[in-house]
Amino acid sequence: MIQALSITGDVFWILCLALMSSLSWNAWKRIAPDTQVPVAWKGEAPSARAHRLPALWLVPVLAFALGAWLKFESRAPGIGIDEALITLGVRLTLAPLVAVLHMSQVRRALATLEAEGNLRP
């Protein structure tokens, strides 16, 4: 039972990682290598920019690391069904939250770059 809960969490986390990676990859192809990508905004104006590598891939990499740590925690020796259910709940909550955070950041960055005329077709 605990193994099935762990696998369920894995599947959900992998789907969210795949979504974030696909979004980053498509944005990567549209943004020129020398473009500074907006990563933070103050109102409607970008307040911080970063190179496209960390701007597009930092959140998915950190999400992968967090998911790996949660995976190990969900399979820890001596874990009971209660702890396994709590870990599954945490994984099922965090994965979409991180994915939505990343999707909103990339969407806003692409909209800003589009308005500035800095996107490839």
N, C-alpha and C. Protein backbone atom coordinates (compact mmCIF):
# COMPACT_ATOMS: atom_id res chain seq x y z
N MET A 1 0.82 -1.19 0.00
CA MET A 1 0.00 0.00 0.00
C MET A 1 0.87 1.27 0.00
N ILE A 2 1.90 1.26 0.82
CA ILE A 2 2.78 2.43 0.90
C ILE A 2 3.50 2.63 -0.43
N GLN A 3 3.89 1.55 -1.06
CA GLN A 3 4.56 1.64 -2.36
C GLN A 3 3.62 2.22 -3.41
N ALA A 4 2.35 1.83 -3.39
CA ALA A 4 1.38 2.37 -4.34
C ALA A 4 1.17 3.87 -4.12
N LEU A 5 1.16 4.31 -2.88
CA LEU A 5 1.03 5.74 -2.59
C LEU A 5 2.25 6.50 -3.11
N SER A 6 3.42 5.93 -2.93
CA SER A 6 4.64 6.56 -3.41
C SER A 6 4.64 6.67 -4.93
N ILE A 7 4.21 5.62 -5.59
CA ILE A 7 4.17 5.63 -7.06
C ILE A 7 3.14 6.64 -7.56
N THR A 8 2.02 6.75 -6.87
CA THR A 8 1.01 7.74 -7.24
C THR A 8 1.58 9.15 -7.16
N GLY A 9 2.30 9.43 -6.09
CA GLY A 9 2.96 10.73 -5.95
C GLY A 9 4.00 10.96 -7.05
N ASP A 10 4.74 9.89 -7.41
CA ASP A 10 5.73 10.00 -8.48
C ASP A 10 5.08 10.38 -9.80
N VAL A 11 3.99 9.71 -10.13
CA VAL A 11 3.31 9.97 -11.40
C VAL A 11 2.84 11.42 -11.46
N PHE A 12 2.24 11.87 -10.40
CA PHE A 12 1.73 13.24 -10.36
C PHE A 12 2.88 14.24 -10.48
N TRP A 13 3.96 14.01 -9.75
CA TRP A 13 5.10 14.92 -9.79
C TRP A 13 5.74 14.93 -11.17
N ILE A 14 5.86 13.76 -11.79
CA ILE A 14 6.46 13.66 -13.13
C ILE A 14 5.63 14.41 -14.16
N LEU A 15 4.31 14.32 -14.04
CA LEU A 15 3.45 15.06 -14.98
C LEU A 15 3.67 16.57 -14.85
N CYS A 16 3.78 17.05 -13.63
CA CYS A 16 4.02 18.48 -13.43
C CYS A 16 5.41 18.89 -13.93
N LEU A 17 6.42 18.05 -13.70
CA LEU A 17 7.76 18.34 -14.22
C LEU A 17 7.77 18.34 -15.75
N ALA A 18 7.04 17.43 -16.35
CA ALA A 18 6.96 17.38 -17.81
C ALA A 18 6.30 18.64 -18.36
N LEU A 19 5.26 19.11 -17.69
CA LEU A 19 4.59 20.33 -18.11
C LEU A 19 5.53 21.53 -18.02
N MET A 20 6.25 21.64 -16.91
CA MET A 20 7.19 22.76 -16.75
C MET A 20 8.33 22.68 -17.76
N SER A 21 8.85 21.49 -18.00
CA SER A 21 9.95 21.33 -18.96
C SER A 21 9.51 21.66 -20.37
N SER A 22 8.32 21.22 -20.74
CA SER A 22 7.80 21.53 -22.07
C SER A 22 7.63 23.02 -22.27
N LEU A 23 7.09 23.68 -21.27
CA LEU A 23 6.91 25.13 -21.34
C LEU A 23 8.25 25.83 -21.46
N SER A 24 9.21 25.43 -20.64
CA SER A 24 10.54 26.05 -20.68
C SER A 24 11.22 25.82 -22.02
N TRP A 25 11.10 24.62 -22.54
CA TRP A 25 11.74 24.30 -23.82
C TRP A 25 11.15 25.13 -24.96
N ASN A 26 9.82 25.26 -24.99
CA ASN A 26 9.19 26.06 -26.03
C ASN A 26 9.54 27.54 -25.89
N ALA A 27 9.59 28.04 -24.67
CA ALA A 27 9.99 29.43 -24.46
C ALA A 27 11.46 29.63 -24.83
N TRP A 28 12.30 28.64 -24.51
CA TRP A 28 13.72 28.70 -24.83
C TRP A 28 13.93 28.91 -26.33
N LYS A 29 13.15 28.22 -27.15
CA LYS A 29 13.29 28.32 -28.59
C LYS A 29 12.83 29.68 -29.13
N ARG A 30 11.95 30.35 -28.41
CA ARG A 30 11.43 31.64 -28.87
C ARG A 30 12.26 32.83 -28.41
N ILE A 31 13.10 32.63 -27.39
CA ILE A 31 13.88 33.73 -26.83
C ILE A 31 15.31 33.66 -27.37
N ALA A 32 15.80 34.77 -27.87
CA ALA A 32 17.17 34.83 -28.41
C ALA A 32 18.18 34.62 -27.28
N PRO A 33 19.35 34.03 -27.59
CA PRO A 33 20.33 33.72 -26.55
C PRO A 33 20.82 34.90 -25.74
N ASP A 34 20.88 36.08 -26.32
CA ASP A 34 21.40 37.23 -25.59
C ASP A 34 20.32 38.06 -24.88
N THR A 35 19.09 37.61 -24.91
CA THR A 35 17.98 38.35 -24.31
C THR A 35 17.94 38.17 -22.80
N GLN A 36 17.75 39.26 -22.09
CA GLN A 36 17.55 39.23 -20.64
C GLN A 36 16.05 39.05 -20.39
N VAL A 37 15.70 37.97 -19.71
CA VAL A 37 14.30 37.60 -19.49
C VAL A 37 13.81 38.21 -18.17
N PRO A 38 12.65 38.86 -18.18
CA PRO A 38 12.10 39.39 -16.93
C PRO A 38 11.74 38.25 -15.97
N VAL A 39 12.13 38.42 -14.71
CA VAL A 39 11.82 37.39 -13.70
C VAL A 39 11.05 37.96 -12.52
N ALA A 40 10.98 39.27 -12.42
CA ALA A 40 10.21 39.92 -11.34
C ALA A 40 9.65 41.22 -11.88
N TRP A 41 8.49 41.59 -11.36
CA TRP A 41 7.81 42.79 -11.82
C TRP A 41 7.42 43.66 -10.64
N LYS A 42 7.42 44.95 -10.88
CA LYS A 42 6.88 45.91 -9.92
C LYS A 42 5.74 46.59 -10.64
N GLY A 43 4.54 46.20 -10.30
CA GLY A 43 3.38 46.65 -11.06
C GLY A 43 3.39 45.95 -12.41
N GLU A 44 3.42 46.72 -13.47
CA GLU A 44 3.45 46.14 -14.82
C GLU A 44 4.85 46.17 -15.44
N ALA A 45 5.78 46.87 -14.80
CA ALA A 45 7.13 47.00 -15.35
C ALA A 45 8.06 45.95 -14.75
N PRO A 46 8.90 45.33 -15.58
CA PRO A 46 9.87 44.37 -15.05
C PRO A 46 10.87 45.06 -14.11
N SER A 47 11.10 44.46 -12.95
CA SER A 47 12.05 45.06 -12.01
C SER A 47 13.35 44.27 -11.92
N ALA A 48 13.35 43.05 -12.43
CA ALA A 48 14.58 42.25 -12.44
C ALA A 48 14.58 41.37 -13.69
N ARG A 49 15.76 41.21 -14.24
CA ARG A 49 15.92 40.35 -15.43
C ARG A 49 17.09 39.41 -15.20
N ALA A 50 17.03 38.28 -15.89
CA ALA A 50 18.10 37.29 -15.79
C ALA A 50 18.34 36.69 -17.17
N HIS A 51 19.47 36.04 -17.31
CA HIS A 51 19.77 35.31 -18.54
C HIS A 51 18.70 34.24 -18.73
N ARG A 52 18.47 33.82 -19.94
CA ARG A 52 17.37 32.90 -20.19
C ARG A 52 17.55 31.53 -19.55
N LEU A 53 18.79 31.07 -19.31
CA LEU A 53 19.00 29.76 -18.69
C LEU A 53 18.41 29.70 -17.28
N PRO A 54 18.83 30.56 -16.36
CA PRO A 54 18.21 30.48 -15.03
C PRO A 54 16.76 30.94 -15.02
N ALA A 55 16.41 31.88 -15.89
CA ALA A 55 15.03 32.37 -15.91
C ALA A 55 14.04 31.28 -16.29
N LEU A 56 14.44 30.39 -17.19
CA LEU A 56 13.53 29.35 -17.67
C LEU A 56 13.71 28.00 -16.99
N TRP A 57 14.89 27.72 -16.47
CA TRP A 57 15.15 26.36 -15.98
C TRP A 57 15.39 26.24 -14.48
N LEU A 58 15.53 27.35 -13.76
CA LEU A 58 15.80 27.25 -12.33
C LEU A 58 14.63 26.62 -11.56
N VAL A 59 13.42 27.05 -11.83
CA VAL A 59 12.27 26.50 -11.11
C VAL A 59 12.08 25.00 -11.42
N PRO A 60 12.15 24.56 -12.68
CA PRO A 60 12.03 23.11 -12.91
C PRO A 60 13.14 22.29 -12.24
N VAL A 61 14.36 22.81 -12.23
CA VAL A 61 15.46 22.08 -11.57
C VAL A 61 15.23 22.00 -10.06
N LEU A 62 14.82 23.11 -9.47
CA LEU A 62 14.52 23.10 -8.03
C LEU A 62 13.33 22.20 -7.72
N ALA A 63 12.34 22.19 -8.62
CA ALA A 63 11.18 21.31 -8.44
C ALA A 63 11.61 19.84 -8.52
N PHE A 64 12.53 19.53 -9.42
CA PHE A 64 13.04 18.17 -9.51
C PHE A 64 13.74 17.77 -8.22
N ALA A 65 14.57 18.67 -7.69
CA ALA A 65 15.28 18.38 -6.43
C ALA A 65 14.29 18.20 -5.28
N LEU A 66 13.30 19.06 -5.20
CA LEU A 66 12.29 18.93 -4.15
C LEU A 66 11.51 17.63 -4.31
N GLY A 67 11.16 17.29 -5.54
CA GLY A 67 10.44 16.04 -5.80
C GLY A 67 11.27 14.82 -5.44
N ALA A 68 12.57 14.87 -5.72
CA ALA A 68 13.44 13.74 -5.37
C ALA A 68 13.53 13.58 -3.86
N TRP A 69 13.65 14.70 -3.14
CA TRP A 69 13.70 14.63 -1.68
C TRP A 69 12.40 14.08 -1.12
N LEU A 70 11.27 14.54 -1.65
CA LEU A 70 9.97 14.03 -1.19
C LEU A 70 9.81 12.55 -1.55
N LYS A 71 10.37 12.14 -2.66
CA LYS A 71 10.33 10.72 -3.04
C LYS A 71 11.05 9.88 -2.01
N PHE A 72 12.25 10.31 -1.63
CA PHE A 72 13.00 9.56 -0.62
C PHE A 72 12.27 9.55 0.72
N GLU A 73 11.64 10.67 1.06
CA GLU A 73 10.89 10.72 2.31
C GLU A 73 9.68 9.79 2.28
N SER A 74 9.07 9.65 1.11
CA SER A 74 7.88 8.79 1.01
C SER A 74 8.24 7.31 1.07
N ARG A 75 9.50 6.99 0.86
CA ARG A 75 9.96 5.59 0.90
C ARG A 75 10.93 5.34 2.04
N ALA A 76 10.93 6.20 3.04
CA ALA A 76 11.85 6.05 4.17
C ALA A 76 11.56 4.75 4.92
N PRO A 77 12.61 4.11 5.43
CA PRO A 77 12.39 2.88 6.19
C PRO A 77 11.55 3.15 7.44
N GLY A 78 10.63 2.27 7.70
CA GLY A 78 9.80 2.38 8.89
C GLY A 78 8.66 3.38 8.79
N ILE A 79 8.38 3.88 7.59
CA ILE A 79 7.29 4.84 7.44
C ILE A 79 5.96 4.09 7.56
N GLY A 80 5.04 4.69 8.27
CA GLY A 80 3.72 4.10 8.44
C GLY A 80 2.74 4.63 7.41
N ILE A 81 1.54 4.07 7.42
CA ILE A 81 0.53 4.48 6.45
C ILE A 81 0.12 5.94 6.65
N ASP A 82 0.08 6.39 7.91
CA ASP A 82 -0.28 7.79 8.16
C ASP A 82 0.75 8.74 7.56
N GLU A 83 2.02 8.45 7.78
CA GLU A 83 3.07 9.30 7.23
C GLU A 83 3.08 9.23 5.70
N ALA A 84 2.82 8.06 5.15
CA ALA A 84 2.78 7.91 3.70
C ALA A 84 1.64 8.74 3.10
N LEU A 85 0.50 8.76 3.76
CA LEU A 85 -0.63 9.56 3.27
C LEU A 85 -0.34 11.06 3.37
N ILE A 86 0.30 11.46 4.45
CA ILE A 86 0.66 12.87 4.60
C ILE A 86 1.67 13.28 3.53
N THR A 87 2.67 12.44 3.31
CA THR A 87 3.67 12.73 2.27
C THR A 87 3.01 12.79 0.90
N LEU A 88 2.08 11.89 0.62
CA LEU A 88 1.37 11.93 -0.65
C LEU A 88 0.59 13.23 -0.77
N GLY A 89 -0.08 13.63 0.29
CA GLY A 89 -0.81 14.90 0.25
C GLY A 89 0.08 16.09 0.00
N VAL A 90 1.25 16.09 0.62
CA VAL A 90 2.21 17.18 0.39
C VAL A 90 2.67 17.17 -1.06
N ARG A 91 2.96 16.02 -1.59
CA ARG A 91 3.42 15.92 -2.98
C ARG A 91 2.32 16.34 -3.95
N LEU A 92 1.08 15.92 -3.67
CA LEU A 92 -0.04 16.27 -4.55
C LEU A 92 -0.41 17.74 -4.45
N THR A 93 -0.01 18.40 -3.39
CA THR A 93 -0.27 19.82 -3.24
C THR A 93 0.85 20.66 -3.83
N LEU A 94 2.09 20.30 -3.55
CA LEU A 94 3.23 21.11 -4.00
C LEU A 94 3.46 21.05 -5.51
N ALA A 95 3.30 19.89 -6.10
CA ALA A 95 3.60 19.75 -7.53
C ALA A 95 2.79 20.73 -8.39
N PRO A 96 1.47 20.79 -8.26
CA PRO A 96 0.76 21.75 -9.10
C PRO A 96 1.01 23.21 -8.71
N LEU A 97 1.29 23.46 -7.43
CA LEU A 97 1.59 24.83 -7.03
C LEU A 97 2.87 25.33 -7.69
N VAL A 98 3.89 24.49 -7.70
CA VAL A 98 5.15 24.86 -8.34
C VAL A 98 4.95 25.00 -9.85
N ALA A 99 4.16 24.11 -10.45
CA ALA A 99 3.90 24.19 -11.89
C ALA A 99 3.14 25.47 -12.24
N VAL A 100 2.16 25.83 -11.46
CA VAL A 100 1.40 27.05 -11.73
C VAL A 100 2.29 28.29 -11.55
N LEU A 101 3.13 28.28 -10.53
CA LEU A 101 4.08 29.37 -10.34
C LEU A 101 4.96 29.53 -11.57
N HIS A 102 5.51 28.44 -12.04
CA HIS A 102 6.40 28.50 -13.20
C HIS A 102 5.63 28.93 -14.45
N MET A 103 4.46 28.39 -14.65
CA MET A 103 3.67 28.75 -15.84
C MET A 103 3.31 30.23 -15.84
N SER A 104 2.94 30.76 -14.68
CA SER A 104 2.58 32.19 -14.64
C SER A 104 3.81 33.07 -14.86
N GLN A 105 4.96 32.69 -14.32
CA GLN A 105 6.18 33.46 -14.53
C GLN A 105 6.59 33.47 -16.00
N VAL A 106 6.58 32.30 -16.62
CA VAL A 106 6.99 32.22 -18.03
C VAL A 106 5.99 32.93 -18.93
N ARG A 107 4.70 32.78 -18.64
CA ARG A 107 3.68 33.46 -19.44
C ARG A 107 3.86 34.97 -19.37
N ARG A 108 4.09 35.47 -18.17
CA ARG A 108 4.27 36.91 -18.00
C ARG A 108 5.56 37.39 -18.67
N ALA A 109 6.61 36.60 -18.56
CA ALA A 109 7.87 36.97 -19.22
C ALA A 109 7.71 36.99 -20.74
N LEU A 110 7.02 36.00 -21.29
CA LEU A 110 6.81 35.97 -22.74
C LEU A 110 5.94 37.13 -23.19
N ALA A 111 4.93 37.48 -22.41
CA ALA A 111 4.08 38.62 -22.76
C ALA A 111 4.90 39.92 -22.74
N THR A 112 5.76 40.07 -21.75
CA THR A 112 6.60 41.27 -21.66
C THR A 112 7.56 41.33 -22.84
N LEU A 113 8.21 40.20 -23.14
CA LEU A 113 9.16 40.18 -24.27
C LEU A 113 8.44 40.39 -25.59
N GLU A 114 7.24 39.88 -25.72
CA GLU A 114 6.45 40.09 -26.94
C GLU A 114 6.14 41.58 -27.12
N ALA A 115 5.74 42.22 -26.04
CA ALA A 115 5.44 43.66 -26.10
C ALA A 115 6.68 44.48 -26.46
N GLU A 116 7.84 44.01 -26.03
CA GLU A 116 9.09 44.70 -26.33
C GLU A 116 9.63 44.34 -27.72
N GLY A 117 9.02 43.34 -28.36
CA GLY A 117 9.47 42.90 -29.67
C GLY A 117 10.72 42.05 -29.64
N ASN A 118 10.95 41.34 -28.54
CA ASN A 118 12.17 40.54 -28.37
C ASN A 118 11.94 39.04 -28.51
N LEU A 119 10.87 38.62 -29.13
CA LEU A 119 10.61 37.19 -29.32
C LEU A 119 10.75 36.80 -30.78
N ARG A 120 11.25 35.61 -30.98
CA ARG A 120 11.28 35.05 -32.33
C ARG A 120 9.90 34.48 -32.62
N PRO A 121 9.55 34.39 -33.89
CA PRO A 121 8.22 33.83 -34.23
C PRO A 121 8.11 32.36 -33.90
